[in-house]
Amino acid sequence: MRAPKRITHGPKPSLEPTLELVKGFGKLIREAREAAGLDHDELGRRINEKTSVLKKLEAQKMRPDNKLAGKLQYALKIKLLEPISAVEVPQNLKSRPSPLKGLTLEDYVKRTKDTEEAAT
């Protein structure tokens, strides 16, 4: 009788993405492929991807996942992924303290009733 296989779990992936695609990645892929003298079929064989996927990437009708982007970076010697840049949130979109913070639902209902009664 065989011993049951042990399931091992690797490190948990981060929920926060740390890399993003560069702008104009499709044009960058096409130019690098052409500069290397490769057609879609040859590049597809080298990185084990379908030519239709490569054509969609170049037309930017599809975004590569990090694994595919890594294969393209290695094969074409280009940089497709970069660290996420810090985006400044405009002041008007930043969260404001709620005037209801710390209130229970009962407190809110009482406050609403008091306001309605004062208005009439």
PDB file of N, CA and C in Angstrom:
ATOM      1  N   MET A   1       0.833  -1.179   0.000  1.00  0.00           N
ATOM      2  CA  MET A   1       0.000   0.000   0.000  1.00  0.00           C
ATOM      3  C   MET A   1       0.881   1.246   0.000  1.00  0.00           C
ATOM      4  N   ARG A   2       0.512   2.182  -0.874  1.00  0.00           N
ATOM      5  CA  ARG A   2       1.298   3.401  -1.011  1.00  0.00           C
ATOM      6  C   ARG A   2       0.922   4.445   0.027  1.00  0.00           C
ATOM      7  N   ALA A   3       1.917   5.175   0.451  1.00  0.00           N
ATOM      8  CA  ALA A   3       1.648   6.272   1.386  1.00  0.00           C
ATOM      9  C   ALA A   3       0.959   7.405   0.615  1.00  0.00           C
ATOM     10  N   PRO A   4       0.020   8.089   1.241  1.00  0.00           N
ATOM     11  CA  PRO A   4      -0.655   9.187   0.546  1.00  0.00           C
ATOM     12  C   PRO A   4       0.330  10.313   0.234  1.00  0.00           C
ATOM     13  N   LYS A   5       0.080  10.978  -0.899  1.00  0.00           N
ATOM     14  CA  LYS A   5       0.946  12.092  -1.272  1.00  0.00           C
ATOM     15  C   LYS A   5       0.718  13.261  -0.332  1.00  0.00           C
ATOM     16  N   ARG A   6       1.793  13.902   0.007  1.00  0.00           N
ATOM     17  CA  ARG A   6       1.696  15.088   0.851  1.00  0.00           C
ATOM     18  C   ARG A   6       1.486  16.302  -0.030  1.00  0.00           C
ATOM     19  N   ILE A   7       0.577  17.110   0.360  1.00  0.00           N
ATOM     20  CA  ILE A   7       0.336  18.354  -0.372  1.00  0.00           C
ATOM     21  C   ILE A   7       1.119  19.445   0.326  1.00  0.00           C
ATOM     22  N   THR A   8       2.002  20.057  -0.416  1.00  0.00           N
ATOM     23  CA  THR A   8       2.769  21.158   0.153  1.00  0.00           C
ATOM     24  C   THR A   8       2.308  22.446  -0.498  1.00  0.00           C
ATOM     25  N   HIS A   9       2.244  23.440   0.285  1.00  0.00           N
ATOM     26  CA  HIS A   9       1.821  24.742  -0.210  1.00  0.00           C
ATOM     27  C   HIS A   9       3.019  25.673  -0.214  1.00  0.00           C
ATOM     28  N   GLY A  10       3.198  26.355  -1.325  1.00  0.00           N
ATOM     29  CA  GLY A  10       4.280  27.314  -1.418  1.00  0.00           C
ATOM     30  C   GLY A  10       3.886  28.598  -0.713  1.00  0.00           C
ATOM     31  N   PRO A  11       4.695  29.597  -0.861  1.00  0.00           N
ATOM     32  CA  PRO A  11       4.360  30.870  -0.235  1.00  0.00           C
ATOM     33  C   PRO A  11       3.076  31.426  -0.842  1.00  0.00           C
ATOM     34  N   LYS A  12       2.268  32.062  -0.017  1.00  0.00           N
ATOM     35  CA  LYS A  12       1.015  32.615  -0.499  1.00  0.00           C
ATOM     36  C   LYS A  12       1.303  33.837  -1.367  1.00  0.00           C
ATOM     37  N   PRO A  13       0.630  33.916  -2.520  1.00  0.00           N
ATOM     38  CA  PRO A  13       0.865  35.082  -3.371  1.00  0.00           C
ATOM     39  C   PRO A  13       0.293  36.321  -2.714  1.00  0.00           C
ATOM     40  N   SER A  14       0.936  37.416  -2.969  1.00  0.00           N
ATOM     41  CA  SER A  14       0.482  38.683  -2.426  1.00  0.00           C
ATOM     42  C   SER A  14      -0.805  39.101  -3.122  1.00  0.00           C
ATOM     43  N   LEU A  15      -1.723  39.635  -2.372  1.00  0.00           N
ATOM     44  CA  LEU A  15      -2.964  40.115  -2.964  1.00  0.00           C
ATOM     45  C   LEU A  15      -2.747  41.442  -3.681  1.00  0.00           C
ATOM     46  N   GLU A  16      -1.739  42.161  -3.261  1.00  0.00           N
ATOM     47  CA  GLU A  16      -1.423  43.437  -3.878  1.00  0.00           C
ATOM     48  C   GLU A  16      -0.479  43.192  -5.061  1.00  0.00           C
ATOM     49  N   PRO A  17      -0.876  43.588  -6.274  1.00  0.00           N
ATOM     50  CA  PRO A  17       0.060  43.442  -7.388  1.00  0.00           C
ATOM     51  C   PRO A  17       1.227  44.405  -7.206  1.00  0.00           C
ATOM     52  N   THR A  18       2.419  43.947  -7.549  1.00  0.00           N
ATOM     53  CA  THR A  18       3.598  44.781  -7.376  1.00  0.00           C
ATOM     54  C   THR A  18       4.182  45.225  -8.708  1.00  0.00           C
ATOM     55  N   LEU A  19       3.730  44.600  -9.799  1.00  0.00           N
ATOM     56  CA  LEU A  19       4.241  44.943 -11.120  1.00  0.00           C
ATOM     57  C   LEU A  19       3.088  45.302 -12.042  1.00  0.00           C
ATOM     58  N   GLU A  20       3.371  46.179 -12.993  1.00  0.00           N
ATOM     59  CA  GLU A  20       2.379  46.526 -13.996  1.00  0.00           C
ATOM     60  C   GLU A  20       3.048  46.541 -15.365  1.00  0.00           C
ATOM     61  N   LEU A  21       2.222  46.389 -16.399  1.00  0.00           N
ATOM     62  CA  LEU A  21       2.734  46.413 -17.761  1.00  0.00           C
ATOM     63  C   LEU A  21       3.127  47.826 -18.147  1.00  0.00           C
ATOM     64  N   VAL A  22       4.169  47.934 -18.949  1.00  0.00           N
ATOM     65  CA  VAL A  22       4.550  49.236 -19.458  1.00  0.00           C
ATOM     66  C   VAL A  22       3.521  49.681 -20.493  1.00  0.00           C
ATOM     67  N   LYS A  23       3.405  50.975 -20.680  1.00  0.00           N
ATOM     68  CA  LYS A  23       2.481  51.487 -21.694  1.00  0.00           C
ATOM     69  C   LYS A  23       3.042  51.164 -23.070  1.00  0.00           C
ATOM     70  N   GLY A  24       2.147  50.844 -23.997  1.00  0.00           N
ATOM     71  CA  GLY A  24       2.567  50.521 -25.359  1.00  0.00           C
ATOM     72  C   GLY A  24       3.288  49.192 -25.462  1.00  0.00           C
ATOM     73  N   PHE A  25       2.901  48.230 -24.612  1.00  0.00           N
ATOM     74  CA  PHE A  25       3.605  46.943 -24.592  1.00  0.00           C
ATOM     75  C   PHE A  25       3.494  46.205 -25.920  1.00  0.00           C
ATOM     76  N   GLY A  26       2.386  46.366 -26.641  1.00  0.00           N
ATOM     77  CA  GLY A  26       2.197  45.666 -27.911  1.00  0.00           C
ATOM     78  C   GLY A  26       3.216  46.095 -28.953  1.00  0.00           C
ATOM     79  N   LYS A  27       3.390  47.410 -29.056  1.00  0.00           N
ATOM     80  CA  LYS A  27       4.366  47.951 -30.018  1.00  0.00           C
ATOM     81  C   LYS A  27       5.780  47.526 -29.624  1.00  0.00           C
ATOM     82  N   LEU A  28       6.055  47.531 -28.337  1.00  0.00           N
ATOM     83  CA  LEU A  28       7.377  47.129 -27.843  1.00  0.00           C
ATOM     84  C   LEU A  28       7.675  45.671 -28.191  1.00  0.00           C
ATOM     85  N   ILE A  29       6.688  44.797 -28.017  1.00  0.00           N
ATOM     86  CA  ILE A  29       6.864  43.379 -28.343  1.00  0.00           C
ATOM     87  C   ILE A  29       7.113  43.214 -29.837  1.00  0.00           C
ATOM     88  N   ARG A  30       6.290  43.878 -30.660  1.00  0.00           N
ATOM     89  CA  ARG A  30       6.423  43.751 -32.124  1.00  0.00           C
ATOM     90  C   ARG A  30       7.784  44.244 -32.591  1.00  0.00           C
ATOM     91  N   GLU A  31       8.201  45.414 -32.102  1.00  0.00           N
ATOM     92  CA  GLU A  31       9.490  45.976 -32.532  1.00  0.00           C
ATOM     93  C   GLU A  31      10.654  45.078 -32.109  1.00  0.00           C
ATOM     94  N   ALA A  32      10.591  44.528 -30.899  1.00  0.00           N
ATOM     95  CA  ALA A  32      11.669  43.646 -30.425  1.00  0.00           C
ATOM     96  C   ALA A  32      11.692  42.348 -31.225  1.00  0.00           C
ATOM     97  N   ARG A  33      10.511  41.815 -31.540  1.00  0.00           N
ATOM     98  CA  ARG A  33      10.434  40.575 -32.324  1.00  0.00           C
ATOM     99  C   ARG A  33      11.016  40.801 -33.710  1.00  0.00           C
ATOM    100  N   GLU A  34      10.628  41.918 -34.345  1.00  0.00           N
ATOM    101  CA  GLU A  34      11.142  42.222 -35.686  1.00  0.00           C
ATOM    102  C   GLU A  34      12.647  42.491 -35.660  1.00  0.00           C
ATOM    103  N   ALA A  35      13.122  43.183 -34.627  1.00  0.00           N
ATOM    104  CA  ALA A  35      14.554  43.470 -34.510  1.00  0.00           C
ATOM    105  C   ALA A  35      15.360  42.184 -34.338  1.00  0.00           C
ATOM    106  N   ALA A  36      14.760  41.197 -33.706  1.00  0.00           N
ATOM    107  CA  ALA A  36      15.435  39.904 -33.518  1.00  0.00           C
ATOM    108  C   ALA A  36      15.323  39.032 -34.767  1.00  0.00           C
ATOM    109  N   GLY A  37      14.569  39.509 -35.759  1.00  0.00           N
ATOM    110  CA  GLY A  37      14.419  38.757 -37.001  1.00  0.00           C
ATOM    111  C   GLY A  37      13.522  37.534 -36.853  1.00  0.00           C
ATOM    112  N   LEU A  38      12.562  37.610 -35.950  1.00  0.00           N
ATOM    113  CA  LEU A  38      11.678  36.476 -35.700  1.00  0.00           C
ATOM    114  C   LEU A  38      10.278  36.754 -36.245  1.00  0.00           C
ATOM    115  N   ASP A  39       9.647  35.702 -36.764  1.00  0.00           N
ATOM    116  CA  ASP A  39       8.236  35.836 -37.105  1.00  0.00           C
ATOM    117  C   ASP A  39       7.432  35.283 -35.923  1.00  0.00           C
ATOM    118  N   HIS A  40       6.114  35.409 -36.000  1.00  0.00           N
ATOM    119  CA  HIS A  40       5.265  34.954 -34.898  1.00  0.00           C
ATOM    120  C   HIS A  40       5.453  33.464 -34.605  1.00  0.00           C
ATOM    121  N   ASP A  41       5.586  32.668 -35.668  1.00  0.00           N
ATOM    122  CA  ASP A  41       5.736  31.225 -35.484  1.00  0.00           C
ATOM    123  C   ASP A  41       7.013  30.880 -34.723  1.00  0.00           C
ATOM    124  N   GLU A  42       8.123  31.491 -35.122  1.00  0.00           N
ATOM    125  CA  GLU A  42       9.405  31.189 -34.478  1.00  0.00           C
ATOM    126  C   GLU A  42       9.409  31.636 -33.018  1.00  0.00           C
ATOM    127  N   LEU A  43       8.909  32.835 -32.739  1.00  0.00           N
ATOM    128  CA  LEU A  43       8.844  33.302 -31.359  1.00  0.00           C
ATOM    129  C   LEU A  43       7.921  32.408 -30.539  1.00  0.00           C
ATOM    130  N   GLY A  44       6.808  32.006 -31.136  1.00  0.00           N
ATOM    131  CA  GLY A  44       5.878  31.107 -30.459  1.00  0.00           C
ATOM    132  C   GLY A  44       6.527  29.795 -30.074  1.00  0.00           C
ATOM    133  N   ARG A  45       7.343  29.249 -30.961  1.00  0.00           N
ATOM    134  CA  ARG A  45       8.055  27.997 -30.657  1.00  0.00           C
ATOM    135  C   ARG A  45       9.062  28.205 -29.519  1.00  0.00           C
ATOM    136  N   ARG A  46       9.740  29.334 -29.541  1.00  0.00           N
ATOM    137  CA  ARG A  46      10.765  29.583 -28.526  1.00  0.00           C
ATOM    138  C   ARG A  46      10.188  29.731 -27.122  1.00  0.00           C
ATOM    139  N   ILE A  47       9.008  30.315 -27.030  1.00  0.00           N
ATOM    140  CA  ILE A  47       8.439  30.530 -25.694  1.00  0.00           C
ATOM    141  C   ILE A  47       7.225  29.641 -25.423  1.00  0.00           C
ATOM    142  N   ASN A  48       6.948  28.719 -26.362  1.00  0.00           N
ATOM    143  CA  ASN A  48       5.863  27.756 -26.211  1.00  0.00           C
ATOM    144  C   ASN A  48       4.498  28.447 -26.072  1.00  0.00           C
ATOM    145  N   GLU A  49       4.216  29.349 -27.009  1.00  0.00           N
ATOM    146  CA  GLU A  49       2.925  30.050 -27.044  1.00  0.00           C
ATOM    147  C   GLU A  49       2.378  29.999 -28.461  1.00  0.00           C
ATOM    148  N   LYS A  50       1.057  30.105 -28.575  1.00  0.00           N
ATOM    149  CA  LYS A  50       0.406  30.112 -29.878  1.00  0.00           C
ATOM    150  C   LYS A  50       0.668  31.434 -30.586  1.00  0.00           C
ATOM    151  N   THR A  51       0.743  31.358 -31.916  1.00  0.00           N
ATOM    152  CA  THR A  51       0.956  32.591 -32.685  1.00  0.00           C
ATOM    153  C   THR A  51      -0.224  33.533 -32.536  1.00  0.00           C
ATOM    154  N   SER A  52      -1.428  33.001 -32.373  1.00  0.00           N
ATOM    155  CA  SER A  52      -2.603  33.860 -32.215  1.00  0.00           C
ATOM    156  C   SER A  52      -2.498  34.701 -30.936  1.00  0.00           C
ATOM    157  N   VAL A  53      -1.921  34.120 -29.885  1.00  0.00           N
ATOM    158  CA  VAL A  53      -1.723  34.855 -28.636  1.00  0.00           C
ATOM    159  C   VAL A  53      -0.734  35.994 -28.865  1.00  0.00           C
ATOM    160  N   LEU A  54       0.340  35.722 -29.580  1.00  0.00           N
ATOM    161  CA  LEU A  54       1.348  36.750 -29.841  1.00  0.00           C
ATOM    162  C   LEU A  54       0.762  37.885 -30.677  1.00  0.00           C
ATOM    163  N   LYS A  55      -0.055  37.536 -31.672  1.00  0.00           N
ATOM    164  CA  LYS A  55      -0.684  38.571 -32.498  1.00  0.00           C
ATOM    165  C   LYS A  55      -1.634  39.429 -31.676  1.00  0.00           C
ATOM    166  N   LYS A  56      -2.389  38.807 -30.774  1.00  0.00           N
ATOM    167  CA  LYS A  56      -3.301  39.570 -29.915  1.00  0.00           C
ATOM    168  C   LYS A  56      -2.531  40.483 -28.970  1.00  0.00           C
ATOM    169  N   LEU A  57      -1.391  40.004 -28.468  1.00  0.00           N
ATOM    170  CA  LEU A  57      -0.571  40.833 -27.589  1.00  0.00           C
ATOM    171  C   LEU A  57      -0.044  42.056 -28.325  1.00  0.00           C
ATOM    172  N   GLU A  58       0.441  41.833 -29.543  1.00  0.00           N
ATOM    173  CA  GLU A  58       0.989  42.947 -30.312  1.00  0.00           C
ATOM    174  C   GLU A  58      -0.084  43.967 -30.666  1.00  0.00           C
ATOM    175  N   ALA A  59      -1.311  43.512 -30.860  1.00  0.00           N
ATOM    176  CA  ALA A  59      -2.427  44.418 -31.159  1.00  0.00           C
ATOM    177  C   ALA A  59      -3.027  44.985 -29.874  1.00  0.00           C
ATOM    178  N   GLN A  60      -2.520  44.569 -28.729  1.00  0.00           N
ATOM    179  CA  GLN A  60      -3.002  44.958 -27.412  1.00  0.00           C
ATOM    180  C   GLN A  60      -4.480  44.619 -27.217  1.00  0.00           C
ATOM    181  N   LYS A  61      -4.899  43.521 -27.847  1.00  0.00           N
ATOM    182  CA  LYS A  61      -6.251  43.009 -27.643  1.00  0.00           C
ATOM    183  C   LYS A  61      -6.264  42.039 -26.468  1.00  0.00           C
ATOM    184  N   MET A  62      -5.072  41.779 -25.941  1.00  0.00           N
ATOM    185  CA  MET A  62      -4.903  40.863 -24.819  1.00  0.00           C
ATOM    186  C   MET A  62      -3.730  41.361 -23.983  1.00  0.00           C
ATOM    187  N   ARG A  63      -3.848  41.210 -22.667  1.00  0.00           N
ATOM    188  CA  ARG A  63      -2.756  41.588 -21.766  1.00  0.00           C
ATOM    189  C   ARG A  63      -2.080  40.313 -21.257  1.00  0.00           C
ATOM    190  N   PRO A  64      -0.762  40.243 -21.301  1.00  0.00           N
ATOM    191  CA  PRO A  64      -0.090  39.035 -20.817  1.00  0.00           C
ATOM    192  C   PRO A  64      -0.109  38.977 -19.293  1.00  0.00           C
ATOM    193  N   ASP A  65      -0.213  37.768 -18.748  1.00  0.00           N
ATOM    194  CA  ASP A  65      -0.044  37.631 -17.306  1.00  0.00           C
ATOM    195  C   ASP A  65       1.453  37.742 -17.012  1.00  0.00           C
ATOM    196  N   ASN A  66       1.799  37.751 -15.742  1.00  0.00           N
ATOM    197  CA  ASN A  66       3.211  37.942 -15.376  1.00  0.00           C
ATOM    198  C   ASN A  66       4.109  36.833 -15.915  1.00  0.00           C
ATOM    199  N   LYS A  67       3.599  35.601 -15.972  1.00  0.00           N
ATOM    200  CA  LYS A  67       4.399  34.482 -16.465  1.00  0.00           C
ATOM    201  C   LYS A  67       4.719  34.666 -17.951  1.00  0.00           C
ATOM    202  N   LEU A  68       3.708  34.987 -18.755  1.00  0.00           N
ATOM    203  CA  LEU A  68       3.924  35.189 -20.184  1.00  0.00           C
ATOM    204  C   LEU A  68       4.801  36.416 -20.426  1.00  0.00           C
ATOM    205  N   ALA A  69       4.568  37.468 -19.667  1.00  0.00           N
ATOM    206  CA  ALA A  69       5.399  38.666 -19.807  1.00  0.00           C
ATOM    207  C   ALA A  69       6.856  38.331 -19.504  1.00  0.00           C
ATOM    208  N   GLY A  70       7.078  37.496 -18.512  1.00  0.00           N
ATOM    209  CA  GLY A  70       8.443  37.088 -18.177  1.00  0.00           C
ATOM    210  C   GLY A  70       9.096  36.310 -19.300  1.00  0.00           C
ATOM    211  N   LYS A  71       8.335  35.415 -19.942  1.00  0.00           N
ATOM    212  CA  LYS A  71       8.884  34.649 -21.066  1.00  0.00           C
ATOM    213  C   LYS A  71       9.236  35.579 -22.222  1.00  0.00           C
ATOM    214  N   LEU A  72       8.375  36.554 -22.484  1.00  0.00           N
ATOM    215  CA  LEU A  72       8.643  37.505 -23.569  1.00  0.00           C
ATOM    216  C   LEU A  72       9.857  38.375 -23.242  1.00  0.00           C
ATOM    217  N   GLN A  73       9.961  38.797 -22.004  1.00  0.00           N
ATOM    218  CA  GLN A  73      11.109  39.618 -21.593  1.00  0.00           C
ATOM    219  C   GLN A  73      12.413  38.861 -21.813  1.00  0.00           C
ATOM    220  N   TYR A  74      12.414  37.588 -21.426  1.00  0.00           N
ATOM    221  CA  TYR A  74      13.619  36.776 -21.548  1.00  0.00           C
ATOM    222  C   TYR A  74      13.964  36.527 -23.014  1.00  0.00           C
ATOM    223  N   ALA A  75      12.967  36.164 -23.827  1.00  0.00           N
ATOM    224  CA  ALA A  75      13.225  35.814 -25.224  1.00  0.00           C
ATOM    225  C   ALA A  75      13.608  37.022 -26.064  1.00  0.00           C
ATOM    226  N   LEU A  76      12.977  38.167 -25.784  1.00  0.00           N
ATOM    227  CA  LEU A  76      13.195  39.350 -26.624  1.00  0.00           C
ATOM    228  C   LEU A  76      14.143  40.369 -26.000  1.00  0.00           C
ATOM    229  N   LYS A  77      14.568  40.094 -24.753  1.00  0.00           N
ATOM    230  CA  LYS A  77      15.472  40.992 -24.035  1.00  0.00           C
ATOM    231  C   LYS A  77      14.885  42.406 -23.946  1.00  0.00           C
ATOM    232  N   ILE A  78      13.643  42.454 -23.475  1.00  0.00           N
ATOM    233  CA  ILE A  78      12.944  43.727 -23.292  1.00  0.00           C
ATOM    234  C   ILE A  78      12.390  43.788 -21.872  1.00  0.00           C
ATOM    235  N   LYS A  79      11.911  44.947 -21.482  1.00  0.00           N
ATOM    236  CA  LYS A  79      11.322  45.153 -20.162  1.00  0.00           C
ATOM    237  C   LYS A  79       9.837  45.452 -20.343  1.00  0.00           C
ATOM    238  N   LEU A  80       8.986  44.505 -19.938  1.00  0.00           N
ATOM    239  CA  LEU A  80       7.534  44.674 -20.049  1.00  0.00           C
ATOM    240  C   LEU A  80       6.877  44.982 -18.712  1.00  0.00           C
ATOM    241  N   LEU A  81       7.481  44.537 -17.630  1.00  0.00           N
ATOM    242  CA  LEU A  81       6.913  44.744 -16.302  1.00  0.00           C
ATOM    243  C   LEU A  81       7.767  45.727 -15.531  1.00  0.00           C
ATOM    244  N   GLU A  82       7.086  46.638 -14.831  1.00  0.00           N
ATOM    245  CA  GLU A  82       7.788  47.607 -14.003  1.00  0.00           C
ATOM    246  C   GLU A  82       7.049  47.728 -12.679  1.00  0.00           C
ATOM    247  N   PRO A  83       7.759  48.151 -11.634  1.00  0.00           N
ATOM    248  CA  PRO A  83       7.081  48.313 -10.345  1.00  0.00           C
ATOM    249  C   PRO A  83       5.947  49.318 -10.475  1.00  0.00           C
ATOM    250  N   ILE A  84       4.890  49.075  -9.729  1.00  0.00           N
ATOM    251  CA  ILE A  84       3.747  49.984  -9.765  1.00  0.00           C
ATOM    252  C   ILE A  84       4.180  51.325  -9.223  1.00  0.00           C
ATOM    253  N   SER A  85       3.876  52.351  -9.991  1.00  0.00           N
ATOM    254  CA  SER A  85       4.237  53.697  -9.563  1.00  0.00           C
ATOM    255  C   SER A  85       3.195  54.195  -8.566  1.00  0.00           C
ATOM    256  N   ALA A  86       3.659  54.966  -7.618  1.00  0.00           N
ATOM    257  CA  ALA A  86       2.742  55.520  -6.625  1.00  0.00           C
ATOM    258  C   ALA A  86       1.869  56.558  -7.309  1.00  0.00           C
ATOM    259  N   VAL A  87       0.584  56.415  -7.150  1.00  0.00           N
ATOM    260  CA  VAL A  87      -0.357  57.340  -7.754  1.00  0.00           C
ATOM    261  C   VAL A  87      -0.868  58.269  -6.665  1.00  0.00           C
ATOM    262  N   GLU A  88      -0.772  59.553  -6.912  1.00  0.00           N
ATOM    263  CA  GLU A  88      -1.255  60.534  -5.954  1.00  0.00           C
ATOM    264  C   GLU A  88      -2.760  60.656  -6.093  1.00  0.00           C
ATOM    265  N   VAL A  89      -3.476  60.434  -5.006  1.00  0.00           N
ATOM    266  CA  VAL A  89      -4.932  60.531  -5.009  1.00  0.00           C
ATOM    267  C   VAL A  89      -5.303  61.999  -4.813  1.00  0.00           C
ATOM    268  N   PRO A  90      -6.127  62.543  -5.728  1.00  0.00           N
ATOM    269  CA  PRO A  90      -6.542  63.937  -5.563  1.00  0.00           C
ATOM    270  C   PRO A  90      -7.231  64.152  -4.218  1.00  0.00           C
ATOM    271  N   GLN A  91      -7.051  65.340  -3.664  1.00  0.00           N
ATOM    272  CA  GLN A  91      -7.574  65.651  -2.329  1.00  0.00           C
ATOM    273  C   GLN A  91      -9.081  65.448  -2.251  1.00  0.00           C
ATOM    274  N   ASN A  92      -9.806  65.792  -3.327  1.00  0.00           N
ATOM    275  CA  ASN A  92     -11.266  65.670  -3.285  1.00  0.00           C
ATOM    276  C   ASN A  92     -11.739  64.214  -3.298  1.00  0.00           C
ATOM    277  N   LEU A  93     -10.849  63.256  -3.617  1.00  0.00           N
ATOM    278  CA  LEU A  93     -11.225  61.849  -3.620  1.00  0.00           C
ATOM    279  C   LEU A  93     -10.800  61.105  -2.359  1.00  0.00           C
ATOM    280  N   LYS A  94      -9.998  61.757  -1.545  1.00  0.00           N
ATOM    281  CA  LYS A  94      -9.556  61.114  -0.307  1.00  0.00           C
ATOM    282  C   LYS A  94     -10.737  61.008   0.636  1.00  0.00           C
ATOM    283  N   SER A  95     -10.716  59.955   1.449  1.00  0.00           N
ATOM    284  CA  SER A  95     -11.843  59.739   2.357  1.00  0.00           C
ATOM    285  C   SER A  95     -11.869  60.821   3.422  1.00  0.00           C
ATOM    286  N   ARG A  96     -13.076  61.220   3.749  1.00  0.00           N
ATOM    287  CA  ARG A  96     -13.285  62.215   4.789  1.00  0.00           C
ATOM    288  C   ARG A  96     -13.859  61.501   6.002  1.00  0.00           C
ATOM    289  N   PRO A  97     -13.608  62.041   7.177  1.00  0.00           N
ATOM    290  CA  PRO A  97     -14.212  61.413   8.358  1.00  0.00           C
ATOM    291  C   PRO A  97     -15.734  61.517   8.273  1.00  0.00           C
ATOM    292  N   SER A  98     -16.389  60.452   8.582  1.00  0.00           N
ATOM    293  CA  SER A  98     -17.846  60.409   8.521  1.00  0.00           C
ATOM    294  C   SER A  98     -18.440  61.088   9.738  1.00  0.00           C
ATOM    295  N   PRO A  99     -19.472  61.922   9.545  1.00  0.00           N
ATOM    296  CA  PRO A  99     -20.118  62.520  10.712  1.00  0.00           C
ATOM    297  C   PRO A  99     -20.875  61.474  11.528  1.00  0.00           C
ATOM    298  N   LEU A 100     -21.075  60.301  10.947  1.00  0.00           N
ATOM    299  CA  LEU A 100     -21.817  59.238  11.628  1.00  0.00           C
ATOM    300  C   LEU A 100     -20.896  58.225  12.297  1.00  0.00           C
ATOM    301  N   LYS A 101     -19.608  58.460  12.233  1.00  0.00           N
ATOM    302  CA  LYS A 101     -18.656  57.498  12.772  1.00  0.00           C
ATOM    303  C   LYS A 101     -18.884  57.315  14.272  1.00  0.00           C
ATOM    304  N   GLY A 102     -18.952  56.084  14.712  1.00  0.00           N
ATOM    305  CA  GLY A 102     -19.148  55.784  16.114  1.00  0.00           C
ATOM    306  C   GLY A 102     -20.612  55.680  16.503  1.00  0.00           C
ATOM    307  N   LEU A 103     -21.509  55.974  15.579  1.00  0.00           N
ATOM    308  CA  LEU A 103     -22.933  55.883  15.877  1.00  0.00           C
ATOM    309  C   LEU A 103     -23.431  54.464  15.655  1.00  0.00           C
ATOM    310  N   THR A 104     -24.355  54.067  16.482  1.00  0.00           N
ATOM    311  CA  THR A 104     -25.027  52.802  16.235  1.00  0.00           C
ATOM    312  C   THR A 104     -26.198  53.078  15.316  1.00  0.00           C
ATOM    313  N   LEU A 105     -26.808  52.050  14.818  1.00  0.00           N
ATOM    314  CA  LEU A 105     -27.984  52.221  13.966  1.00  0.00           C
ATOM    315  C   LEU A 105     -29.100  52.902  14.751  1.00  0.00           C
ATOM    316  N   GLU A 106     -29.234  52.539  16.024  1.00  0.00           N
ATOM    317  CA  GLU A 106     -30.269  53.158  16.867  1.00  0.00           C
ATOM    318  C   GLU A 106     -30.021  54.656  17.018  1.00  0.00           C
ATOM    319  N   ASP A 107     -28.757  55.047  17.252  1.00  0.00           N
ATOM    320  CA  ASP A 107     -28.425  56.464  17.359  1.00  0.00           C
ATOM    321  C   ASP A 107     -28.762  57.207  16.069  1.00  0.00           C
ATOM    322  N   TYR A 108     -28.444  56.579  14.945  1.00  0.00           N
ATOM    323  CA  TYR A 108     -28.719  57.201  13.650  1.00  0.00           C
ATOM    324  C   TYR A 108     -30.219  57.405  13.447  1.00  0.00           C
ATOM    325  N   VAL A 109     -31.015  56.388  13.766  1.00  0.00           N
ATOM    326  CA  VAL A 109     -32.470  56.488  13.609  1.00  0.00           C
ATOM    327  C   VAL A 109     -33.012  57.595  14.506  1.00  0.00           C
ATOM    328  N   LYS A 110     -32.548  57.658  15.761  1.00  0.00           N
ATOM    329  CA  LYS A 110     -33.002  58.720  16.677  1.00  0.00           C
ATOM    330  C   LYS A 110     -32.631  60.093  16.118  1.00  0.00           C
ATOM    331  N   ARG A 111     -31.426  60.240  15.622  1.00  0.00           N
ATOM    332  CA  ARG A 111     -30.977  61.522  15.087  1.00  0.00           C
ATOM    333  C   ARG A 111     -31.825  61.919  13.878  1.00  0.00           C
ATOM    334  N   THR A 112     -32.115  60.938  13.014  1.00  0.00           N
ATOM    335  CA  THR A 112     -32.924  61.207  11.828  1.00  0.00           C
ATOM    336  C   THR A 112     -34.336  61.626  12.231  1.00  0.00           C
ATOM    337  N   LYS A 113     -34.942  60.938  13.212  1.00  0.00           N
ATOM    338  CA  LYS A 113     -36.287  61.289  13.680  1.00  0.00           C
ATOM    339  C   LYS A 113     -36.292  62.684  14.290  1.00  0.00           C
ATOM    340  N   ASP A 114     -35.274  63.009  15.094  1.00  0.00           N
ATOM    341  CA  ASP A 114     -35.191  64.331  15.709  1.00  0.00           C
ATOM    342  C   ASP A 114     -35.080  65.411  14.643  1.00  0.00           C
ATOM    343  N   THR A 115     -34.305  65.149  13.593  1.00  0.00           N
ATOM    344  CA  THR A 115     -34.151  66.115  12.512  1.00  0.00           C
ATOM    345  C   THR A 115     -35.454  66.296  11.759  1.00  0.00           C
ATOM    346  N   GLU A 116     -36.173  65.213  11.518  1.00  0.00           N
ATOM    347  CA  GLU A 116     -37.455  65.293  10.809  1.00  0.00           C
ATOM    348  C   GLU A 116     -38.490  66.033  11.635  1.00  0.00           C
ATOM    349  N   GLU A 117     -38.515  65.781  12.952  1.00  0.00           N
ATOM    350  CA  GLU A 117     -39.473  66.453  13.823  1.00  0.00           C
ATOM    351  C   GLU A 117     -39.167  67.936  13.908  1.00  0.00           C
ATOM    352  N   ALA A 118     -37.891  68.304  13.932  1.00  0.00           N
ATOM    353  CA  ALA A 118     -37.518  69.716  14.007  1.00  0.00           C
ATOM    354  C   ALA A 118     -37.878  70.450  12.721  1.00  0.00           C
ATOM    355  N   ALA A 119     -37.880  69.731  11.598  1.00  0.00           N
ATOM    356  CA  ALA A 119     -38.190  70.337  10.303  1.00  0.00           C
ATOM    357  C   ALA A 119     -39.685  70.596  10.149  1.00  0.00           C
ATOM    358  N   THR A 120     -40.522  69.860  10.882  1.00  0.00           N
ATOM    359  CA  THR A 120     -41.983  70.030  10.739  1.00  0.00           C
ATOM    360  C   THR A 120     -42.557  70.957  11.751  1.00  0.00           C
TER     361      THR A 120
END
